[in-house]
């Protein structure tokens, strides 16, 4: 079934650019957005399904150790942020003010 939708030019351009970034057509982008809005595609549910399937694989324990699981040390975002700021300041010759 064909459906025609009118978008303002700014929104249409935004849809076009977002679709292009994802490497899909505008139609595919709009269909995916509608599926999420209608509850047909739930990213969280998909994540849980993939985790469940992955846990059944023979290599699951090795993957968890390699790529980090619940026992892995948490990523310190604030420390990483401060380190990045310090590097950028040094690179551009800015003081730490």
N, C-alpha and C. Protein backbone atom coordinates (compact mmCIF):
# COMPACT_ATOMS: atom_id res chain seq x y z
N UNK A 1 0.84 -1.17 0.00
CA UNK A 1 0.00 0.00 0.00
C UNK A 1 0.89 1.23 0.00
N UNK A 2 0.64 2.12 -0.88
CA UNK A 2 1.41 3.36 -0.97
C UNK A 2 0.76 4.43 -0.10
N UNK A 3 1.59 5.18 0.61
CA UNK A 3 1.11 6.26 1.46
C UNK A 3 1.93 7.50 1.12
N UNK A 4 1.27 8.61 1.03
CA UNK A 4 1.95 9.86 0.73
C UNK A 4 1.93 10.73 1.99
N UNK A 5 3.07 11.27 2.35
CA UNK A 5 3.18 12.11 3.54
C UNK A 5 3.83 13.42 3.15
N UNK A 6 3.27 14.51 3.63
CA UNK A 6 3.85 15.83 3.36
C UNK A 6 4.69 16.25 4.55
N UNK A 7 5.93 16.59 4.27
CA UNK A 7 6.84 17.08 5.31
C UNK A 7 7.29 18.48 4.94
N UNK A 8 7.57 19.27 5.98
CA UNK A 8 8.13 20.57 5.64
C UNK A 8 9.54 20.35 5.12
N UNK A 9 10.05 21.25 4.29
CA UNK A 9 11.33 21.04 3.63
C UNK A 9 12.49 20.77 4.59
N UNK A 10 12.48 21.43 5.75
CA UNK A 10 13.57 21.24 6.71
C UNK A 10 13.55 19.81 7.26
N UNK A 11 12.36 19.32 7.61
CA UNK A 11 12.26 17.95 8.12
C UNK A 11 12.61 16.94 7.04
N UNK A 12 12.19 17.19 5.82
CA UNK A 12 12.51 16.27 4.73
C UNK A 12 14.03 16.18 4.54
N UNK A 13 14.70 17.31 4.61
CA UNK A 13 16.16 17.32 4.46
C UNK A 13 16.82 16.56 5.61
N UNK A 14 16.29 16.75 6.81
CA UNK A 14 16.82 16.05 7.98
C UNK A 14 16.65 14.53 7.83
N UNK A 15 15.48 14.12 7.34
CA UNK A 15 15.23 12.69 7.09
C UNK A 15 16.21 12.17 6.04
N UNK A 16 16.37 12.94 4.99
CA UNK A 16 17.28 12.54 3.91
C UNK A 16 18.71 12.38 4.41
N UNK A 17 19.18 13.34 5.21
CA UNK A 17 20.56 13.27 5.71
C UNK A 17 20.74 12.13 6.71
N UNK A 18 19.75 11.92 7.57
CA UNK A 18 19.84 10.83 8.54
C UNK A 18 19.85 9.48 7.83
N UNK A 19 19.01 9.34 6.82
CA UNK A 19 18.98 8.09 6.06
C UNK A 19 20.31 7.86 5.35
N UNK A 20 20.85 8.92 4.80
CA UNK A 20 22.13 8.81 4.08
C UNK A 20 23.25 8.39 5.04
N UNK A 21 23.25 8.97 6.25
CA UNK A 21 24.27 8.60 7.25
C UNK A 21 24.17 7.12 7.60
N UNK A 22 22.95 6.59 7.62
CA UNK A 22 22.75 5.19 7.97
C UNK A 22 22.91 4.26 6.77
N UNK A 23 23.04 4.85 5.58
CA UNK A 23 23.23 4.04 4.38
C UNK A 23 21.96 3.36 3.91
N UNK A 24 20.82 4.00 4.17
CA UNK A 24 19.54 3.44 3.75
C UNK A 24 18.76 4.51 2.98
N UNK A 25 17.68 4.09 2.36
CA UNK A 25 16.85 5.04 1.62
C UNK A 25 15.94 5.79 2.59
N UNK A 26 15.35 6.89 2.10
CA UNK A 26 14.40 7.64 2.93
C UNK A 26 13.21 6.75 3.30
N UNK A 27 12.77 5.95 2.36
CA UNK A 27 11.64 5.06 2.62
C UNK A 27 11.97 4.09 3.74
N UNK A 28 13.15 3.47 3.68
CA UNK A 28 13.56 2.53 4.72
C UNK A 28 13.66 3.24 6.07
N UNK A 29 14.17 4.46 6.06
CA UNK A 29 14.30 5.23 7.30
C UNK A 29 12.92 5.50 7.90
N UNK A 30 11.98 5.92 7.08
CA UNK A 30 10.64 6.24 7.56
C UNK A 30 9.93 4.98 8.06
N UNK A 31 10.09 3.87 7.34
CA UNK A 31 9.47 2.61 7.78
C UNK A 31 10.04 2.19 9.13
N UNK A 32 11.36 2.29 9.32
CA UNK A 32 11.98 1.92 10.59
C UNK A 32 11.47 2.82 11.72
N UNK A 33 11.31 4.12 11.45
CA UNK A 33 10.81 5.04 12.46
C UNK A 33 9.37 4.69 12.85
N UNK A 34 8.56 4.35 11.86
CA UNK A 34 7.17 3.97 12.14
C UNK A 34 7.11 2.66 12.94
N UNK A 35 7.96 1.70 12.60
CA UNK A 35 7.97 0.44 13.33
C UNK A 35 8.34 0.66 14.80
N UNK A 36 9.31 1.54 15.06
CA UNK A 36 9.68 1.85 16.44
C UNK A 36 8.53 2.55 17.15
N UNK A 37 7.89 3.51 16.47
CA UNK A 37 6.78 4.26 17.07
C UNK A 37 5.58 3.35 17.37
N UNK A 38 5.37 2.35 16.55
CA UNK A 38 4.25 1.43 16.74
C UNK A 38 4.59 0.27 17.68
N UNK A 39 5.82 0.23 18.15
CA UNK A 39 6.23 -0.81 19.08
C UNK A 39 6.63 -2.11 18.42
N UNK A 40 6.74 -2.10 17.11
CA UNK A 40 7.15 -3.33 16.43
C UNK A 40 8.64 -3.60 16.58
N UNK A 41 9.41 -2.54 16.69
CA UNK A 41 10.85 -2.67 16.90
C UNK A 41 11.18 -2.01 18.23
N UNK A 42 11.54 -2.83 19.19
CA UNK A 42 11.92 -2.33 20.50
C UNK A 42 13.41 -2.62 20.69
N UNK A 43 14.26 -1.60 20.61
CA UNK A 43 15.70 -1.83 20.71
C UNK A 43 16.10 -2.55 22.00
N UNK A 44 15.43 -2.25 23.11
CA UNK A 44 15.78 -2.89 24.38
C UNK A 44 15.43 -4.38 24.34
N UNK A 45 14.28 -4.70 23.79
CA UNK A 45 13.87 -6.10 23.67
C UNK A 45 14.83 -6.87 22.78
N UNK A 46 15.25 -6.24 21.68
CA UNK A 46 16.22 -6.86 20.78
C UNK A 46 17.54 -7.10 21.50
N UNK A 47 18.00 -6.14 22.30
CA UNK A 47 19.23 -6.30 23.06
C UNK A 47 19.13 -7.49 24.00
N UNK A 48 18.00 -7.61 24.70
CA UNK A 48 17.82 -8.74 25.61
C UNK A 48 17.83 -10.06 24.87
N UNK A 49 17.21 -10.10 23.70
CA UNK A 49 17.19 -11.33 22.90
C UNK A 49 18.60 -11.72 22.47
N UNK A 50 19.37 -10.74 22.01
CA UNK A 50 20.74 -11.02 21.56
C UNK A 50 21.59 -11.47 22.73
N UNK A 51 21.45 -10.82 23.89
CA UNK A 51 22.21 -11.24 25.06
C UNK A 51 21.86 -12.67 25.45
N UNK A 52 20.58 -13.00 25.39
CA UNK A 52 20.15 -14.36 25.73
C UNK A 52 20.72 -15.39 24.78
N UNK A 53 20.70 -15.09 23.49
CA UNK A 53 21.25 -16.01 22.49
C UNK A 53 22.76 -16.12 22.63
N UNK A 54 23.42 -15.02 22.92
CA UNK A 54 24.87 -15.02 23.07
C UNK A 54 25.29 -15.85 24.27
N UNK A 55 24.51 -15.77 25.35
CA UNK A 55 24.85 -16.53 26.56
C UNK A 55 24.82 -18.03 26.32
N UNK A 56 24.07 -18.48 25.31
CA UNK A 56 23.98 -19.91 25.01
C UNK A 56 25.16 -20.42 24.19
N UNK A 57 25.95 -19.51 23.63
CA UNK A 57 27.08 -19.91 22.79
C UNK A 57 28.19 -20.51 23.64
N UNK A 58 28.93 -21.51 23.12
CA UNK A 58 30.01 -22.13 23.88
C UNK A 58 31.12 -21.16 24.27
N UNK A 59 31.32 -20.12 23.46
CA UNK A 59 32.39 -19.16 23.72
C UNK A 59 31.94 -18.01 24.62
N UNK A 60 30.74 -18.07 25.18
CA UNK A 60 30.17 -16.94 25.93
C UNK A 60 31.08 -16.49 27.07
N UNK A 61 31.63 -17.43 27.82
CA UNK A 61 32.48 -17.07 28.96
C UNK A 61 33.73 -16.33 28.48
N UNK A 62 34.33 -16.81 27.40
CA UNK A 62 35.53 -16.16 26.86
C UNK A 62 35.18 -14.77 26.35
N UNK A 63 34.04 -14.62 25.68
CA UNK A 63 33.63 -13.31 25.17
C UNK A 63 33.43 -12.32 26.31
N UNK A 64 32.80 -12.82 27.38
CA UNK A 64 32.55 -11.94 28.52
C UNK A 64 33.86 -11.46 29.13
N UNK A 65 34.82 -12.36 29.25
CA UNK A 65 36.11 -11.98 29.81
C UNK A 65 36.86 -11.02 28.88
N UNK A 66 36.78 -11.28 27.58
CA UNK A 66 37.50 -10.47 26.60
C UNK A 66 36.89 -9.08 26.44
N UNK A 67 35.58 -9.02 26.28
CA UNK A 67 34.92 -7.76 25.97
C UNK A 67 34.28 -7.09 27.18
N UNK A 68 34.42 -7.69 28.33
CA UNK A 68 33.90 -7.10 29.55
C UNK A 68 32.45 -7.45 29.78
N UNK A 69 32.19 -7.85 30.96
CA UNK A 69 30.83 -8.17 31.33
C UNK A 69 30.50 -7.40 32.59
N UNK A 70 29.64 -7.94 33.38
CA UNK A 70 29.25 -7.25 34.61
C UNK A 70 30.42 -7.15 35.58
N UNK A 71 31.35 -8.10 35.50
CA UNK A 71 32.50 -8.07 36.40
C UNK A 71 33.60 -7.12 35.94
N UNK A 72 33.47 -6.58 34.75
CA UNK A 72 34.51 -5.70 34.22
C UNK A 72 34.50 -4.36 34.94
N UNK A 73 35.65 -3.74 34.99
CA UNK A 73 35.77 -2.42 35.63
C UNK A 73 34.97 -1.40 34.81
N UNK A 74 34.22 -0.58 35.49
CA UNK A 74 33.40 0.41 34.81
C UNK A 74 34.27 1.49 34.17
N UNK A 75 33.80 2.02 33.07
CA UNK A 75 34.48 3.07 32.34
C UNK A 75 34.28 4.38 33.08
N UNK A 76 35.38 5.05 33.42
CA UNK A 76 35.30 6.30 34.16
C UNK A 76 35.19 7.46 33.19
N UNK A 77 33.98 7.87 32.91
CA UNK A 77 33.72 8.92 31.92
C UNK A 77 34.33 10.25 32.34
N UNK A 78 34.18 10.62 33.60
CA UNK A 78 34.68 11.92 34.05
C UNK A 78 36.20 11.99 33.96
N UNK A 79 36.87 10.92 34.34
CA UNK A 79 38.33 10.92 34.26
C UNK A 79 38.77 11.01 32.80
N UNK A 80 38.11 10.27 31.92
CA UNK A 80 38.43 10.32 30.49
C UNK A 80 38.18 11.70 29.93
N UNK A 81 37.10 12.33 30.35
CA UNK A 81 36.76 13.68 29.90
C UNK A 81 37.85 14.67 30.31
N UNK A 82 38.27 14.59 31.57
CA UNK A 82 39.30 15.50 32.06
C UNK A 82 40.63 15.28 31.33
N UNK A 83 40.96 14.02 31.06
CA UNK A 83 42.19 13.71 30.33
C UNK A 83 42.13 14.29 28.92
N UNK A 84 40.99 14.15 28.25
CA UNK A 84 40.83 14.68 26.90
C UNK A 84 40.92 16.21 26.90
N UNK A 85 40.30 16.85 27.86
CA UNK A 85 40.36 18.31 27.96
C UNK A 85 41.80 18.77 28.15
N UNK A 86 42.54 18.09 29.03
CA UNK A 86 43.94 18.45 29.27
C UNK A 86 44.77 18.30 28.00
N UNK A 87 44.55 17.22 27.25
CA UNK A 87 45.29 17.01 26.00
C UNK A 87 44.96 18.09 24.98
N UNK A 88 43.70 18.44 24.86
CA UNK A 88 43.31 19.49 23.91
C UNK A 88 43.86 20.85 24.30
N UNK A 89 43.84 21.15 25.60
CA UNK A 89 44.41 22.42 26.06
C UNK A 89 45.91 22.48 25.75
N UNK A 90 46.62 21.38 26.00
CA UNK A 90 48.05 21.34 25.72
C UNK A 90 48.31 21.48 24.23
N UNK A 91 47.51 20.81 23.44
CA UNK A 91 47.68 20.85 21.98
C UNK A 91 47.49 22.25 21.43
N UNK A 92 46.51 22.96 21.97
CA UNK A 92 46.19 24.29 21.46
C UNK A 92 46.79 25.43 22.28
N UNK A 93 47.64 25.06 23.24
CA UNK A 93 48.34 26.07 24.03
C UNK A 93 47.44 26.91 24.91
N UNK A 94 46.41 26.31 25.47
CA UNK A 94 45.49 27.02 26.35
C UNK A 94 45.83 26.73 27.79
N UNK A 95 45.56 27.68 28.67
CA UNK A 95 45.81 27.46 30.10
C UNK A 95 44.68 26.65 30.69
N UNK A 96 44.88 26.16 31.89
CA UNK A 96 43.89 25.31 32.56
C UNK A 96 42.81 26.11 33.26
N UNK A 97 42.67 27.38 32.97
CA UNK A 97 41.68 28.24 33.65
C UNK A 97 40.31 27.76 33.44
